[in-house]
């Protein structure tokens, strides 16, 4: 079914708007990052994030429509991130989506943020078809998922504590790096020497596909305690930490492919932009006669294009929401069902 869908993403600290056409594909995609706003505080401040979404969102909707040369009357539906995420930020996007849907008399659907990430590869030419294994790795989430189709997800393993991106940020702060810490730590690690710090690879010595990164973070704390860290030592610590994270993610990903019998791994989420992770996954999967697929960085980080795409699938299948504004800070991926099925809504 051909539909033109407006997508809205406000789950954390990016305000994003996109337009997805079922025939033409992505026709507009805008993202405003709040990094500079939150940098002075050393991390995301939820109240400030929500206020910034309020200021930015409607002008960005207008800009996206203008960019695509589309009038509001052409919109067939609206998709917004309903969760998981910061509840205040989610409510901004949900409220705007519901108000526009009412004003334009079009259906509205709330989308699971992680479903957007899992379907984002379809925005790229040459994207792998279903089924595949997805490694979702970001500041808030680290999990391995078997993706059998839209709404057909089986969680194979997930973090039991810190997500990989969260561990990056906390370790970066320990080393005196600014916010956002992940990219800063990765840049510092480029100058580090391999093998100087050999940090543990959490949970690789036991079966299963779950992750745990809090112990790795503690190992870094112990390693630097009482040390005078010059620039060389800080780079060595960053290199050792990054290698431990990458080795853990790659080894678990290979185990997931073996467990499912699949040969394609899709990497989603902001940590998927890490150069060392991309190189290691590409090489080790190729040696195992498998392949890794990486969406371009703008589709790895939070964006509205993936929300519009996921919403298109569900709206085209006839899914609708009633009038109340809805958002959910926590929402398990296990609750989703294929488009048009019973039980797809979390509310």
Protein backbone atom coordinates (compact mmCIF):
# COMPACT_ATOMS: atom_id res chain seq x y z
CA UNK A 1 0.00 0.00 0.00
CA UNK A 2 1.42 3.38 -1.02
CA UNK A 3 1.56 5.88 1.84
CA UNK A 4 3.48 9.06 2.62
CA UNK A 5 4.41 8.98 6.31
CA UNK A 6 5.79 11.72 8.52
CA UNK A 7 8.21 10.32 11.10
CA UNK A 8 9.06 11.99 14.43
CA UNK A 9 11.87 10.92 16.77
CA UNK A 10 12.37 12.52 20.21
CA UNK A 11 13.40 9.63 22.44
CA UNK A 12 16.52 11.27 23.88
CA UNK A 13 18.76 14.14 22.73
CA UNK A 14 18.18 14.25 18.97
CA UNK A 15 15.18 16.01 17.47
CA UNK A 16 14.48 14.34 14.14
CA UNK A 17 11.86 14.53 11.40
CA UNK A 18 11.60 12.54 8.17
CA UNK A 19 9.21 11.84 5.30
CA UNK A 20 9.03 8.32 3.87
CA UNK A 21 7.17 7.51 0.68
CA UNK A 22 6.21 3.86 0.09
CA UNK A 23 7.15 4.17 -3.60
CA UNK A 24 9.92 6.79 -3.67
CA UNK A 25 11.58 5.94 -0.38
CA UNK A 26 13.05 8.59 1.89
CA UNK A 27 12.22 12.09 0.60
CA UNK A 28 13.29 14.22 3.59
CA UNK A 29 15.44 13.56 6.64
CA UNK A 30 16.40 16.15 9.25
CA UNK A 31 18.20 15.72 12.58
CA UNK A 32 19.12 18.31 15.18
CA UNK A 33 21.66 17.12 17.74
CA UNK A 34 21.56 18.55 21.26
CA UNK A 35 25.19 17.63 21.99
CA UNK A 36 26.33 21.22 22.51
CA UNK A 37 23.43 21.88 24.89
CA UNK A 38 24.30 18.91 27.12
CA UNK A 39 28.10 19.05 26.80
CA UNK A 40 28.45 21.66 29.56
CA UNK A 41 26.62 19.28 31.95
CA UNK A 42 28.68 16.22 31.06
CA UNK A 43 25.64 14.21 29.91
CA UNK A 44 22.01 14.39 28.88
CA UNK A 45 19.76 16.44 31.17
CA UNK A 46 16.22 15.09 30.54
CA UNK A 47 14.38 18.35 31.32
CA UNK A 48 16.61 20.35 28.99
CA UNK A 49 16.22 17.72 26.27
CA UNK A 50 12.43 17.93 26.49
CA UNK A 51 12.42 21.72 26.32
CA UNK A 52 14.70 21.70 23.30
CA UNK A 53 12.41 19.26 21.50
CA UNK A 54 9.51 21.66 22.12
CA UNK A 55 11.46 24.52 20.54
CA UNK A 56 12.80 22.58 17.55
CA UNK A 57 10.16 20.08 16.50
CA UNK A 58 7.45 22.06 14.68
CA UNK A 59 9.92 24.24 12.72
CA UNK A 60 11.68 21.04 11.63
CA UNK A 61 8.38 19.53 10.45
CA UNK A 62 7.77 22.66 8.38
CA UNK A 63 11.33 22.55 7.00
CA UNK A 64 11.02 18.88 6.02
CA UNK A 65 7.74 19.52 4.17
CA UNK A 66 9.29 22.50 2.40
CA UNK A 67 12.43 20.53 1.49
CA UNK A 68 10.32 17.80 -0.12
CA UNK A 69 7.90 20.24 -1.74
CA UNK A 70 4.97 18.58 0.02
CA UNK A 71 1.82 20.11 1.44
CA UNK A 72 0.33 18.73 4.68
CA UNK A 73 -2.69 17.51 2.70
CA UNK A 74 -0.44 14.92 1.03
CA UNK A 75 0.51 13.24 4.33
CA UNK A 76 -1.22 9.86 4.75
CA UNK A 77 -0.06 9.06 8.28
CA UNK A 78 2.26 10.01 11.14
CA UNK A 79 4.65 7.75 13.05
CA UNK A 80 6.38 8.80 16.27
CA UNK A 81 8.68 7.14 18.77
CA UNK A 82 6.44 5.95 21.62
CA UNK A 83 9.26 4.31 23.61
CA UNK A 84 11.54 3.32 25.10
CA UNK A 85 13.28 6.56 26.04
CA UNK A 86 13.15 9.61 28.28
CA UNK A 87 9.49 10.00 29.17
CA UNK A 88 9.43 13.80 28.91
CA UNK A 89 11.15 13.76 25.53
CA UNK A 90 8.83 11.02 24.27
CA UNK A 91 5.77 12.99 25.35
CA UNK A 92 6.85 15.97 23.25
CA UNK A 93 6.99 13.90 20.07
CA UNK A 94 3.81 12.00 20.93
CA UNK A 95 1.89 15.20 21.63
CA UNK A 96 2.97 16.88 18.42
CA UNK A 97 2.23 13.75 16.38
CA UNK A 98 -1.21 13.39 17.91
CA UNK A 99 -2.02 17.09 17.41
CA UNK A 100 -0.92 17.05 13.77
CA UNK A 101 -2.84 13.84 13.15
CA UNK A 102 -5.98 15.42 14.57
CA UNK A 103 -5.49 18.66 12.60
CA UNK A 104 -4.71 16.88 9.32
CA UNK A 105 -7.23 14.07 9.89
CA UNK A 106 -4.70 11.28 9.31
CA UNK A 107 -3.92 8.12 11.33
CA UNK A 108 -1.11 8.12 13.89
CA UNK A 109 1.00 5.22 15.17
CA UNK A 110 3.53 4.92 17.99
CA UNK A 111 6.70 3.06 17.00
CA UNK A 112 9.13 1.08 19.15
CA UNK A 113 12.51 2.84 19.00
CA UNK A 114 14.44 -0.42 18.64
CA UNK A 115 12.15 -1.68 15.88
CA UNK A 116 13.16 1.44 13.99
CA UNK A 117 16.83 0.57 14.41
CA UNK A 118 16.27 -3.05 13.37
CA UNK A 119 14.50 -1.99 10.16
CA UNK A 120 16.84 0.93 9.34
CA UNK A 121 19.01 -1.19 6.98
CA UNK A 122 16.07 -1.27 4.55
CA UNK A 123 16.69 2.45 3.97
CA UNK A 124 19.94 1.52 2.21
CA UNK A 125 20.40 0.10 -1.31
CA UNK A 126 21.65 -3.47 -1.23
CA UNK A 127 20.30 -4.07 2.27
CA UNK A 128 20.09 -7.72 3.33
CA UNK A 129 16.72 -9.44 3.28
CA UNK A 130 15.17 -11.28 6.19
CA UNK A 131 16.17 -13.24 8.19
CA UNK A 132 19.34 -11.86 9.78
CA UNK A 133 20.92 -11.34 13.19
CA UNK A 134 21.09 -7.75 14.43
CA UNK A 135 23.62 -6.38 16.89
CA UNK A 136 21.95 -3.33 18.46
CA UNK A 137 24.67 -1.45 20.31
CA UNK A 138 24.25 2.08 21.65
CA UNK A 139 24.36 4.18 24.80
CA UNK A 140 21.12 2.73 26.09
CA UNK A 141 20.95 -0.74 24.57
CA UNK A 142 23.18 -3.70 23.76
CA UNK A 143 21.46 -6.82 22.49
CA UNK A 144 21.52 -9.48 19.81
CA UNK A 145 18.24 -10.11 17.99
CA UNK A 146 17.16 -12.64 15.39
CA UNK A 147 15.09 -10.64 12.89
CA UNK A 148 12.73 -12.83 10.89
CA UNK A 149 10.68 -9.99 9.41
CA UNK A 150 8.82 -6.87 10.42
CA UNK A 151 7.56 -7.49 13.95
CA UNK A 152 9.25 -10.91 14.10
CA UNK A 153 12.01 -10.51 16.67
CA UNK A 154 13.65 -13.00 19.01
CA UNK A 155 16.06 -11.61 21.60
CA UNK A 156 19.11 -13.87 21.71
CA UNK A 157 21.06 -11.98 24.35
CA UNK A 158 21.17 -8.59 26.04
CA UNK A 159 23.21 -6.67 28.56
CA UNK A 160 22.65 -7.47 32.20
CA UNK A 161 23.83 -4.03 33.34
CA UNK A 162 25.57 -1.22 31.43
CA UNK A 163 25.13 -0.96 27.67
CA UNK A 164 28.35 -0.79 25.63
CA UNK A 165 27.84 2.87 24.79
CA UNK A 166 27.20 3.67 28.45
CA UNK A 167 30.45 1.91 29.39
CA UNK A 168 32.27 3.97 26.74
CA UNK A 169 30.87 7.21 28.20
CA UNK A 170 31.65 6.32 31.82
CA UNK A 171 35.21 5.25 30.98
CA UNK A 172 35.72 8.41 28.94
CA UNK A 173 34.66 10.48 31.93
CA UNK A 174 37.12 8.57 34.11
CA UNK A 175 39.89 9.52 31.67
CA UNK A 176 38.89 13.17 31.75
CA UNK A 177 37.36 13.25 28.28
CA UNK A 178 34.41 15.43 27.35
CA UNK A 179 30.86 14.57 26.38
CA UNK A 180 29.91 12.63 24.32
CA UNK A 181 32.52 10.26 25.64
CA UNK A 182 32.30 7.38 23.16
CA UNK A 183 33.69 9.17 20.10
CA UNK A 184 36.29 10.98 22.25
CA UNK A 185 37.53 7.70 23.74
CA UNK A 186 37.67 6.04 20.31
CA UNK A 187 39.73 8.95 18.97
CA UNK A 188 42.13 8.72 21.92
CA UNK A 189 42.43 4.93 21.47
CA UNK A 190 43.82 5.50 17.97
CA UNK A 191 47.04 6.70 19.66
CA UNK A 192 47.21 3.87 22.21
CA UNK A 193 49.56 0.88 22.10
CA UNK A 194 48.01 -2.58 21.86
CA UNK A 195 48.51 -4.97 24.75
CA UNK A 196 49.68 -2.45 27.35
CA UNK A 197 46.39 -2.87 29.23
CA UNK A 198 44.71 -6.27 28.88
CA UNK A 199 41.23 -5.82 30.29
CA UNK A 200 38.77 -8.70 30.83
CA UNK A 201 36.31 -9.79 28.13
CA UNK A 202 33.10 -10.04 30.19
CA UNK A 203 31.09 -13.27 30.01
CA UNK A 204 33.12 -14.81 27.18
CA UNK A 205 34.18 -17.65 29.48
CA UNK A 206 30.63 -18.96 29.81
CA UNK A 207 27.95 -20.08 27.35
CA UNK A 208 25.14 -17.81 26.24
CA UNK A 209 24.77 -14.55 24.40
CA UNK A 210 24.16 -12.06 27.20
CA UNK A 211 26.52 -9.15 27.87
CA UNK A 212 27.84 -7.41 30.99
CA UNK A 213 30.05 -4.32 30.91
CA UNK A 214 29.96 -3.01 34.49
CA UNK A 215 32.84 -5.30 35.51
CA UNK A 216 34.96 -4.03 32.62
CA UNK A 217 34.35 -0.47 33.76
CA UNK A 218 35.43 -1.49 37.29
CA UNK A 219 38.59 -3.11 35.90
CA UNK A 220 39.53 0.21 34.32
CA UNK A 221 38.95 2.02 37.63
CA UNK A 222 41.25 -0.45 39.42
CA UNK A 223 43.91 -0.20 36.70
CA UNK A 224 44.19 3.59 36.87
CA UNK A 225 43.78 4.00 40.64
CA UNK A 226 46.82 5.72 42.13
CA UNK A 227 48.47 6.22 38.73
CA UNK A 228 49.63 9.49 37.28
CA UNK A 229 48.14 9.26 33.80
CA UNK A 230 49.98 11.21 31.14
CA UNK A 231 48.69 11.43 27.57
CA UNK A 232 50.46 8.21 26.54
CA UNK A 233 49.02 6.20 29.45
CA UNK A 234 45.50 7.57 28.89
CA UNK A 235 45.69 6.54 25.23
CA UNK A 236 46.90 3.06 26.24
CA UNK A 237 43.99 2.66 28.67
CA UNK A 238 41.53 3.81 25.99
CA UNK A 239 43.02 1.33 23.50
CA UNK A 240 42.81 -1.57 25.95
CA UNK A 241 39.25 -0.72 26.91
CA UNK A 242 38.08 -0.36 23.31
CA UNK A 243 39.73 -3.65 22.32
CA UNK A 244 37.94 -5.44 25.19
CA UNK A 245 34.54 -4.04 24.12
CA UNK A 246 35.11 -4.84 20.46
CA UNK A 247 36.38 -8.36 21.10
CA UNK A 248 33.36 -9.08 23.32
CA UNK A 249 30.84 -7.78 20.77
CA UNK A 250 32.46 -9.60 17.85
CA UNK A 251 32.78 -12.94 19.65
CA UNK A 252 29.18 -12.85 20.86
CA UNK A 253 27.98 -11.88 17.36
CA UNK A 254 29.76 -14.88 15.85
CA UNK A 255 28.17 -17.13 18.47
CA UNK A 256 24.74 -15.72 17.60
CA UNK A 257 25.21 -16.45 13.90
CA UNK A 258 26.30 -20.00 14.70
CA UNK A 259 23.36 -20.53 17.08
CA UNK A 260 20.81 -19.38 14.48
CA UNK A 261 22.47 -20.86 11.40
CA UNK A 262 22.33 -17.45 9.70
CA UNK A 263 25.18 -15.79 7.80
CA UNK A 264 24.31 -12.08 7.94
CA UNK A 265 24.82 -9.67 10.81
CA UNK A 266 23.32 -6.17 10.72
CA UNK A 267 24.85 -3.61 13.08
CA UNK A 268 22.57 -0.87 14.41
CA UNK A 269 22.96 1.88 16.99
CA UNK A 270 25.50 4.64 17.54
CA UNK A 271 28.40 2.39 18.62
CA UNK A 272 28.06 0.76 15.20
CA UNK A 273 29.95 3.76 13.82
CA UNK A 274 33.11 2.74 15.77
CA UNK A 275 35.90 2.11 13.26
CA UNK A 276 37.64 -0.68 15.19
CA UNK A 277 34.34 -2.53 15.67
CA UNK A 278 33.51 -2.30 11.96
CA UNK A 279 36.92 -3.54 10.91
CA UNK A 280 36.94 -6.43 13.38
CA UNK A 281 33.43 -7.58 12.50
CA UNK A 282 34.10 -7.39 8.77
CA UNK A 283 37.31 -9.41 9.03
CA UNK A 284 36.20 -12.08 11.48
CA UNK A 285 32.81 -12.63 9.85
CA UNK A 286 34.45 -12.94 6.45
CA UNK A 287 36.77 -15.60 7.90
CA UNK A 288 33.67 -17.44 9.11
CA UNK A 289 32.03 -17.10 5.66
CA UNK A 290 29.49 -14.62 6.96
CA UNK A 291 29.05 -10.92 6.33
CA UNK A 292 28.39 -7.77 8.30
CA UNK A 293 26.14 -5.00 7.03
CA UNK A 294 26.48 -1.47 8.37
CA UNK A 295 23.92 1.22 7.57
CA UNK A 296 25.52 4.62 7.02
CA UNK A 297 26.24 6.47 10.30
CA UNK A 298 23.19 8.75 10.04
CA UNK A 299 20.96 5.66 10.02
CA UNK A 300 22.87 4.05 12.92
CA UNK A 301 22.33 6.94 15.32
CA UNK A 302 18.84 8.10 16.34
CA UNK A 303 16.88 9.39 13.36
CA UNK A 304 13.28 9.78 12.17
CA UNK A 305 13.78 7.99 8.85
CA UNK A 306 13.74 4.62 10.62
CA UNK A 307 10.62 5.65 12.59
CA UNK A 308 8.82 6.70 9.41
CA UNK A 309 9.77 3.40 7.73
CA UNK A 310 8.61 1.26 10.67
CA UNK A 311 5.44 3.32 10.94
CA UNK A 312 4.77 2.89 7.21
CA UNK A 313 4.77 -0.90 7.61
CA UNK A 314 2.28 -0.76 10.46
CA UNK A 315 0.02 1.97 9.09
CA UNK A 316 -0.14 0.25 5.70
CA UNK A 317 -1.29 -2.92 7.50
CA UNK A 318 -4.18 -0.98 9.02
CA UNK A 319 -2.82 -0.40 12.52
CA UNK A 320 -4.16 2.72 14.22
CA UNK A 321 -4.15 4.35 17.64
CA UNK A 322 -7.04 6.12 19.31
CA UNK A 323 -6.92 9.72 20.47
CA UNK A 324 -5.05 9.78 23.82
CA UNK A 325 -1.39 10.83 23.79
CA UNK A 326 0.74 7.82 24.72
CA UNK A 327 4.39 7.24 25.57
CA UNK A 328 6.26 4.55 27.47
CA UNK A 329 9.74 4.93 29.00
CA UNK A 330 10.18 1.13 29.15
CA UNK A 331 8.90 -1.18 26.44
CA UNK A 332 10.18 -4.68 25.74
CA UNK A 333 10.85 -5.67 22.16
CA UNK A 334 9.30 -9.04 23.00
CA UNK A 335 5.87 -7.38 23.10
CA UNK A 336 5.87 -6.56 19.38
CA UNK A 337 4.01 -8.64 16.80
CA UNK A 338 3.91 -8.50 12.98
CA UNK A 339 1.93 -5.61 11.48
CA UNK A 340 -1.81 -6.12 11.73
CA UNK A 341 -1.53 -8.77 14.46
CA UNK A 342 -3.22 -8.62 17.83
CA UNK A 343 -1.09 -7.44 20.72
CA UNK A 344 1.21 -5.05 18.87
CA UNK A 345 0.46 -2.09 21.09
CA UNK A 346 2.10 -1.65 24.50
CA UNK A 347 -0.72 0.34 26.01
